[in-house]
Amino acid sequence: MAVPRLGRRAIAATELALVAPVLITLMLCVHDLADGFQVSIRLERAARAGAQVAMSGTTDLTAVQSAVISAWPALSASDVPLPVLSCECGTTSVSCTATCASGLIRTVTVRATRQLSPLLLRSYAQGVGHAVARLN
C-alpha cells in the first residue's frame, strides 16, 4: 500500500520533531565535555610548568606562580593560588627550616583553576590543573 506524498512529508516532519531535541542535547553535552577536557589539559600543562620552575631549586613561590600564569596567559592571579611548600622528615610533617637526620623532603604543590561556562553539564563548571614537585 502506497502512502500518499503528503503523508510521507508528515511522517518525516514527525520524525524530525522527535529526534532533533535528542540530537541537539547530545551535541551540547559533547561540547561541554570537550571544553572541560581541553581546559583541564591546558591547566595541567601550566601547573607542570610551575612545578618545573620549583624543581630548579627556587623557594620563591611567587616565581612559581608567575611561571604558571606565563605558561597560559589567559590565567590570572585569582586562577592560580600561591603554591604550597610542605616539608617532611620521614613521615612526619615539620617546618621547612628544621633539620632532619634522614634528610628533609620538600614538596611544592601547584594548582590552577579556571571557571567554565557549560551549556548543560553544570558539574563541569570548573577546570582544575594540579602538579606536585618533590624537591631534594
N, C-alpha and C. Protein backbone atom coordinates (compact mmCIF):
# COMPACT_ATOMS: atom_id res chain seq x y z
N MET A 1 0.84 -1.18 0.00
CA MET A 1 0.00 0.00 0.00
C MET A 1 0.89 1.24 0.00
N ALA A 2 0.67 2.10 -0.92
CA ALA A 2 1.47 3.30 -1.08
C ALA A 2 0.93 4.42 -0.19
N VAL A 3 1.86 5.11 0.45
CA VAL A 3 1.49 6.24 1.29
C VAL A 3 1.45 7.47 0.40
N PRO A 4 0.41 8.26 0.50
CA PRO A 4 0.34 9.47 -0.30
C PRO A 4 1.54 10.39 -0.01
N ARG A 5 1.89 11.17 -1.01
CA ARG A 5 3.06 12.03 -0.90
C ARG A 5 2.94 12.98 0.30
N LEU A 6 1.83 13.55 0.55
CA LEU A 6 1.61 14.44 1.69
C LEU A 6 1.82 13.69 2.99
N GLY A 7 1.43 12.44 3.06
CA GLY A 7 1.62 11.63 4.26
C GLY A 7 3.08 11.37 4.56
N ARG A 8 3.90 11.18 3.52
CA ARG A 8 5.34 10.96 3.71
C ARG A 8 6.00 12.20 4.34
N ARG A 9 5.59 13.35 3.88
CA ARG A 9 6.13 14.59 4.44
C ARG A 9 5.76 14.73 5.91
N ALA A 10 4.57 14.37 6.25
CA ALA A 10 4.13 14.45 7.64
C ALA A 10 4.91 13.48 8.52
N ILE A 11 5.19 12.30 8.00
CA ILE A 11 5.98 11.31 8.76
C ILE A 11 7.39 11.82 8.96
N ALA A 12 7.98 12.37 7.92
CA ALA A 12 9.34 12.91 8.03
C ALA A 12 9.39 14.07 9.01
N ALA A 13 8.41 14.95 8.99
CA ALA A 13 8.37 16.08 9.93
C ALA A 13 8.21 15.59 11.36
N THR A 14 7.40 14.55 11.56
CA THR A 14 7.21 14.00 12.90
C THR A 14 8.51 13.35 13.41
N GLU A 15 9.18 12.62 12.54
CA GLU A 15 10.45 12.01 12.93
C GLU A 15 11.48 13.07 13.31
N LEU A 16 11.56 14.13 12.52
CA LEU A 16 12.48 15.22 12.83
C LEU A 16 12.13 15.87 14.16
N ALA A 17 10.87 16.08 14.41
CA ALA A 17 10.43 16.71 15.66
C ALA A 17 10.78 15.84 16.87
N LEU A 18 10.79 14.53 16.69
CA LEU A 18 11.13 13.63 17.80
C LEU A 18 12.64 13.47 18.00
N VAL A 19 13.40 13.44 16.93
CA VAL A 19 14.83 13.15 17.00
C VAL A 19 15.67 14.41 17.24
N ALA A 20 15.28 15.55 16.71
CA ALA A 20 16.10 16.77 16.78
C ALA A 20 16.42 17.19 18.21
N PRO A 21 15.49 17.23 19.15
CA PRO A 21 15.86 17.63 20.52
C PRO A 21 16.89 16.71 21.16
N VAL A 22 16.79 15.42 20.88
CA VAL A 22 17.75 14.47 21.43
C VAL A 22 19.13 14.72 20.85
N LEU A 23 19.21 14.93 19.55
CA LEU A 23 20.50 15.19 18.91
C LEU A 23 21.12 16.50 19.37
N ILE A 24 20.30 17.53 19.50
CA ILE A 24 20.81 18.83 19.95
C ILE A 24 21.33 18.73 21.38
N THR A 25 20.59 18.04 22.25
CA THR A 25 21.04 17.84 23.63
C THR A 25 22.35 17.07 23.67
N LEU A 26 22.46 16.05 22.88
CA LEU A 26 23.68 15.25 22.81
C LEU A 26 24.87 16.10 22.33
N MET A 27 24.66 16.92 21.33
CA MET A 27 25.72 17.78 20.82
C MET A 27 26.18 18.79 21.88
N LEU A 28 25.25 19.36 22.63
CA LEU A 28 25.62 20.31 23.67
C LEU A 28 26.40 19.64 24.80
N CYS A 29 26.02 18.42 25.16
CA CYS A 29 26.75 17.68 26.19
C CYS A 29 28.16 17.35 25.73
N VAL A 30 28.32 16.94 24.49
CA VAL A 30 29.64 16.64 23.95
C VAL A 30 30.49 17.91 23.93
N HIS A 31 29.90 19.04 23.60
CA HIS A 31 30.62 20.31 23.62
C HIS A 31 31.12 20.63 25.02
N ASP A 32 30.27 20.48 26.04
CA ASP A 32 30.67 20.75 27.42
C ASP A 32 31.81 19.83 27.86
N LEU A 33 31.70 18.56 27.54
CA LEU A 33 32.76 17.61 27.91
C LEU A 33 34.08 17.94 27.23
N ALA A 34 34.03 18.22 25.95
CA ALA A 34 35.25 18.54 25.20
C ALA A 34 35.90 19.82 25.72
N ASP A 35 35.10 20.82 26.02
CA ASP A 35 35.61 22.08 26.55
C ASP A 35 36.27 21.85 27.91
N GLY A 36 35.62 21.06 28.75
CA GLY A 36 36.17 20.76 30.07
C GLY A 36 37.49 20.01 29.99
N PHE A 37 37.57 19.03 29.11
CA PHE A 37 38.82 18.28 28.94
C PHE A 37 39.93 19.16 28.40
N GLN A 38 39.61 19.99 27.43
CA GLN A 38 40.62 20.86 26.84
C GLN A 38 41.19 21.83 27.88
N VAL A 39 40.32 22.44 28.67
CA VAL A 39 40.77 23.39 29.69
C VAL A 39 41.59 22.67 30.76
N SER A 40 41.15 21.48 31.16
CA SER A 40 41.90 20.73 32.18
C SER A 40 43.29 20.36 31.68
N ILE A 41 43.42 20.00 30.43
CA ILE A 41 44.74 19.68 29.87
C ILE A 41 45.63 20.92 29.87
N ARG A 42 45.09 22.05 29.49
CA ARG A 42 45.87 23.29 29.50
C ARG A 42 46.30 23.66 30.92
N LEU A 43 45.38 23.48 31.88
CA LEU A 43 45.72 23.79 33.27
C LEU A 43 46.79 22.85 33.81
N GLU A 44 46.72 21.58 33.44
CA GLU A 44 47.75 20.63 33.87
C GLU A 44 49.11 21.04 33.31
N ARG A 45 49.17 21.43 32.05
CA ARG A 45 50.43 21.87 31.45
C ARG A 45 50.98 23.11 32.16
N ALA A 46 50.11 24.05 32.46
CA ALA A 46 50.55 25.27 33.14
C ALA A 46 51.05 24.95 34.55
N ALA A 47 50.36 24.06 35.25
CA ALA A 47 50.79 23.68 36.60
C ALA A 47 52.13 22.96 36.55
N ARG A 48 52.33 22.11 35.53
CA ARG A 48 53.62 21.42 35.37
C ARG A 48 54.75 22.41 35.09
N ALA A 49 54.45 23.47 34.34
CA ALA A 49 55.46 24.49 34.09
C ALA A 49 55.90 25.15 35.40
N GLY A 50 54.95 25.40 36.28
CA GLY A 50 55.28 25.94 37.60
C GLY A 50 56.08 24.95 38.43
N ALA A 51 55.72 23.69 38.35
CA ALA A 51 56.45 22.66 39.11
C ALA A 51 57.89 22.54 38.60
N GLN A 52 58.09 22.71 37.30
CA GLN A 52 59.46 22.66 36.76
C GLN A 52 60.31 23.81 37.28
N VAL A 53 59.70 24.98 37.42
CA VAL A 53 60.43 26.11 37.99
C VAL A 53 60.78 25.80 39.44
N ALA A 54 59.87 25.20 40.17
CA ALA A 54 60.15 24.84 41.57
C ALA A 54 61.27 23.81 41.65
N MET A 55 61.31 22.89 40.71
CA MET A 55 62.36 21.85 40.72
C MET A 55 63.73 22.40 40.38
N SER A 56 63.78 23.60 39.82
CA SER A 56 65.08 24.20 39.51
C SER A 56 65.79 24.67 40.77
N GLY A 57 65.11 24.55 41.91
CA GLY A 57 65.75 24.86 43.18
C GLY A 57 65.26 26.13 43.83
N THR A 58 64.37 26.85 43.21
CA THR A 58 63.89 28.09 43.80
C THR A 58 62.90 27.81 44.93
N THR A 59 62.95 28.64 45.93
CA THR A 59 61.94 28.57 47.00
C THR A 59 61.00 29.76 46.92
N ASP A 60 61.15 30.55 45.87
CA ASP A 60 60.29 31.72 45.65
C ASP A 60 58.97 31.24 45.06
N LEU A 61 57.96 31.14 45.91
CA LEU A 61 56.66 30.64 45.45
C LEU A 61 55.97 31.60 44.51
N THR A 62 56.27 32.89 44.61
CA THR A 62 55.70 33.86 43.68
C THR A 62 56.24 33.63 42.27
N ALA A 63 57.52 33.24 42.17
CA ALA A 63 58.10 32.94 40.85
C ALA A 63 57.45 31.71 40.25
N VAL A 64 57.13 30.74 41.09
CA VAL A 64 56.43 29.53 40.61
C VAL A 64 55.04 29.91 40.11
N GLN A 65 54.34 30.74 40.87
CA GLN A 65 53.01 31.20 40.46
C GLN A 65 53.09 31.97 39.14
N SER A 66 54.09 32.82 38.99
CA SER A 66 54.27 33.59 37.75
C SER A 66 54.56 32.67 36.57
N ALA A 67 55.28 31.58 36.81
CA ALA A 67 55.57 30.63 35.73
C ALA A 67 54.30 29.95 35.24
N VAL A 68 53.39 29.66 36.17
CA VAL A 68 52.11 29.05 35.79
C VAL A 68 51.31 30.02 34.94
N ILE A 69 51.26 31.27 35.37
CA ILE A 69 50.48 32.28 34.64
C ILE A 69 51.10 32.56 33.27
N SER A 70 52.44 32.57 33.18
CA SER A 70 53.06 32.84 31.88
C SER A 70 52.94 31.64 30.94
N ALA A 71 52.73 30.43 31.49
CA ALA A 71 52.53 29.26 30.64
C ALA A 71 51.19 29.31 29.92
N TRP A 72 50.21 29.95 30.54
CA TRP A 72 48.92 30.15 29.89
C TRP A 72 48.47 31.57 30.24
N PRO A 73 48.76 32.56 29.39
CA PRO A 73 48.49 33.96 29.71
C PRO A 73 47.03 34.29 30.00
N ALA A 74 46.10 33.40 29.66
CA ALA A 74 44.69 33.66 29.95
C ALA A 74 44.40 33.54 31.45
N LEU A 75 45.33 32.97 32.20
CA LEU A 75 45.14 32.82 33.65
C LEU A 75 45.48 34.11 34.36
N SER A 76 44.86 34.30 35.52
CA SER A 76 45.17 35.46 36.35
C SER A 76 45.62 34.96 37.73
N ALA A 77 46.03 35.89 38.58
CA ALA A 77 46.48 35.51 39.92
C ALA A 77 45.35 34.87 40.73
N SER A 78 44.11 35.22 40.43
CA SER A 78 42.99 34.59 41.15
C SER A 78 42.76 33.16 40.69
N ASP A 79 43.21 32.81 39.48
CA ASP A 79 43.09 31.44 38.98
C ASP A 79 44.20 30.53 39.52
N VAL A 80 45.31 31.14 39.93
CA VAL A 80 46.47 30.38 40.38
C VAL A 80 46.82 30.82 41.80
N PRO A 81 46.36 30.08 42.80
CA PRO A 81 46.74 30.45 44.17
C PRO A 81 48.23 30.22 44.39
N LEU A 82 48.77 30.87 45.38
CA LEU A 82 50.18 30.70 45.70
C LEU A 82 50.46 29.24 45.99
N PRO A 83 51.49 28.65 45.37
CA PRO A 83 51.80 27.24 45.62
C PRO A 83 52.09 26.99 47.10
N VAL A 84 51.94 25.74 47.50
CA VAL A 84 52.13 25.36 48.90
C VAL A 84 53.43 24.57 49.02
N LEU A 85 54.29 25.03 49.91
CA LEU A 85 55.54 24.33 50.20
C LEU A 85 55.35 23.58 51.51
N SER A 86 55.57 22.27 51.49
CA SER A 86 55.46 21.47 52.70
C SER A 86 56.73 20.64 52.85
N CYS A 87 57.07 20.33 54.10
CA CYS A 87 58.29 19.58 54.37
C CYS A 87 57.98 18.41 55.30
N GLU A 88 58.70 17.32 55.09
CA GLU A 88 58.53 16.12 55.89
C GLU A 88 59.88 15.57 56.32
N CYS A 89 59.89 15.01 57.50
CA CYS A 89 61.05 14.28 58.00
C CYS A 89 60.55 12.85 58.23
N GLY A 90 60.90 11.96 57.33
CA GLY A 90 60.31 10.62 57.38
C GLY A 90 58.86 10.70 56.94
N THR A 91 57.95 10.43 57.85
CA THR A 91 56.52 10.53 57.55
C THR A 91 55.85 11.63 58.35
N THR A 92 56.66 12.44 59.05
CA THR A 92 56.13 13.48 59.91
C THR A 92 56.29 14.84 59.25
N SER A 93 55.24 15.64 59.24
CA SER A 93 55.32 17.00 58.71
C SER A 93 56.09 17.87 59.70
N VAL A 94 57.04 18.62 59.17
CA VAL A 94 57.87 19.50 60.00
C VAL A 94 58.00 20.85 59.32
N SER A 95 58.58 21.80 60.03
CA SER A 95 58.87 23.10 59.46
C SER A 95 59.97 22.96 58.42
N CYS A 96 59.93 23.77 57.40
CA CYS A 96 60.92 23.67 56.33
C CYS A 96 62.30 24.17 56.76
N THR A 97 62.39 24.78 57.94
CA THR A 97 63.69 25.22 58.45
C THR A 97 64.28 24.20 59.41
N ALA A 98 63.55 23.13 59.68
CA ALA A 98 64.02 22.11 60.61
C ALA A 98 65.13 21.28 59.98
N THR A 99 65.91 20.63 60.85
CA THR A 99 66.92 19.70 60.37
C THR A 99 66.40 18.28 60.59
N CYS A 100 66.80 17.40 59.70
CA CYS A 100 66.30 16.04 59.76
C CYS A 100 67.46 15.08 59.49
N ALA A 101 67.61 14.10 60.35
CA ALA A 101 68.71 13.15 60.21
C ALA A 101 68.57 12.32 58.93
N SER A 102 67.36 11.97 58.58
CA SER A 102 67.14 11.14 57.39
C SER A 102 67.02 11.96 56.10
N GLY A 103 67.11 13.26 56.22
CA GLY A 103 67.00 14.13 55.05
C GLY A 103 65.61 14.74 54.93
N LEU A 104 65.58 16.04 54.83
CA LEU A 104 64.32 16.77 54.73
C LEU A 104 63.75 16.64 53.33
N ILE A 105 62.49 16.26 53.24
CA ILE A 105 61.82 16.14 51.94
C ILE A 105 60.91 17.35 51.78
N ARG A 106 61.20 18.16 50.76
CA ARG A 106 60.36 19.34 50.47
C ARG A 106 59.48 19.05 49.26
N THR A 107 58.23 19.46 49.37
CA THR A 107 57.27 19.24 48.29
C THR A 107 56.55 20.55 47.99
N VAL A 108 56.45 20.88 46.71
CA VAL A 108 55.69 22.05 46.27
C VAL A 108 54.46 21.56 45.52
N THR A 109 53.30 22.03 45.94
CA THR A 109 52.04 21.67 45.30
C THR A 109 51.51 22.89 44.54
N VAL A 110 51.31 22.73 43.25
CA VAL A 110 50.87 23.82 42.37
C VAL A 110 49.47 23.49 41.87
N ARG A 111 48.55 24.47 41.98
CA ARG A 111 47.18 24.30 41.49
C ARG A 111 46.83 25.47 40.58
N ALA A 112 46.02 25.16 39.60
CA ALA A 112 45.48 26.20 38.73
C ALA A 112 44.03 25.83 38.43
N THR A 113 43.15 26.79 38.53
CA THR A 113 41.73 26.55 38.26
C THR A 113 41.22 27.57 37.25
N ARG A 114 40.16 27.20 36.59
CA ARG A 114 39.56 28.11 35.60
C ARG A 114 38.07 27.88 35.57
N GLN A 115 37.30 28.93 35.68
CA GLN A 115 35.84 28.82 35.60
C GLN A 115 35.41 28.57 34.16
N LEU A 116 34.50 27.66 33.97
CA LEU A 116 33.96 27.35 32.65
C LEU A 116 32.51 27.82 32.57
N SER A 117 32.00 27.89 31.38
CA SER A 117 30.60 28.24 31.15
C SER A 117 29.90 27.11 30.39
N PRO A 118 29.59 26.02 31.10
CA PRO A 118 28.96 24.90 30.40
C PRO A 118 27.55 25.25 29.94
N LEU A 119 27.16 24.65 28.84
CA LEU A 119 25.82 24.90 28.30
C LEU A 119 24.77 24.05 29.02
N LEU A 120 25.10 22.81 29.33
CA LEU A 120 24.15 21.92 30.01
C LEU A 120 24.71 21.28 31.27
N LEU A 121 25.93 20.78 31.20
CA LEU A 121 26.50 20.00 32.30
C LEU A 121 27.11 20.92 33.35
N ARG A 122 26.31 21.28 34.34
CA ARG A 122 26.76 22.22 35.36
C ARG A 122 27.87 21.66 36.25
N SER A 123 28.05 20.35 36.27
CA SER A 123 29.11 19.76 37.08
C SER A 123 30.48 20.04 36.46
N TYR A 124 30.54 20.50 35.25
CA TYR A 124 31.79 20.87 34.58
C TYR A 124 31.97 22.38 34.57
N ALA A 125 31.71 23.01 35.71
CA ALA A 125 31.78 24.46 35.80
C ALA A 125 33.18 24.96 36.13
N GLN A 126 34.09 24.04 36.46
CA GLN A 126 35.44 24.47 36.81
C GLN A 126 36.46 23.44 36.34
N GLY A 127 37.49 23.92 35.68
CA GLY A 127 38.61 23.07 35.29
C GLY A 127 39.71 23.21 36.32
N VAL A 128 40.44 22.12 36.57
CA VAL A 128 41.49 22.13 37.58
C VAL A 128 42.75 21.48 37.03
N GLY A 129 43.88 22.10 37.27
CA GLY A 129 45.18 21.52 36.96
C GLY A 129 45.98 21.41 38.24
N HIS A 130 46.73 20.35 38.38
CA HIS A 130 47.42 20.07 39.63
C HIS A 130 48.77 19.44 39.34
N ALA A 131 49.80 19.88 40.03
CA ALA A 131 51.13 19.29 39.88
C ALA A 131 51.84 19.34 41.22
N VAL A 132 52.60 18.29 41.50
CA VAL A 132 53.37 18.20 42.74
C VAL A 132 54.82 17.97 42.39
N ALA A 133 55.71 18.77 42.93
CA ALA A 133 57.15 18.62 42.70
C ALA A 133 57.83 18.28 44.02
N ARG A 134 58.58 17.22 44.00
CA ARG A 134 59.34 16.82 45.18
C ARG A 134 60.76 17.33 45.02
N LEU A 135 61.20 18.14 45.97
CA LEU A 135 62.50 18.79 45.90
C LEU A 135 63.47 18.10 46.84
N ASN A 136 64.71 18.02 46.43
CA ASN A 136 65.74 17.42 47.30
C ASN A 136 66.69 18.49 47.77
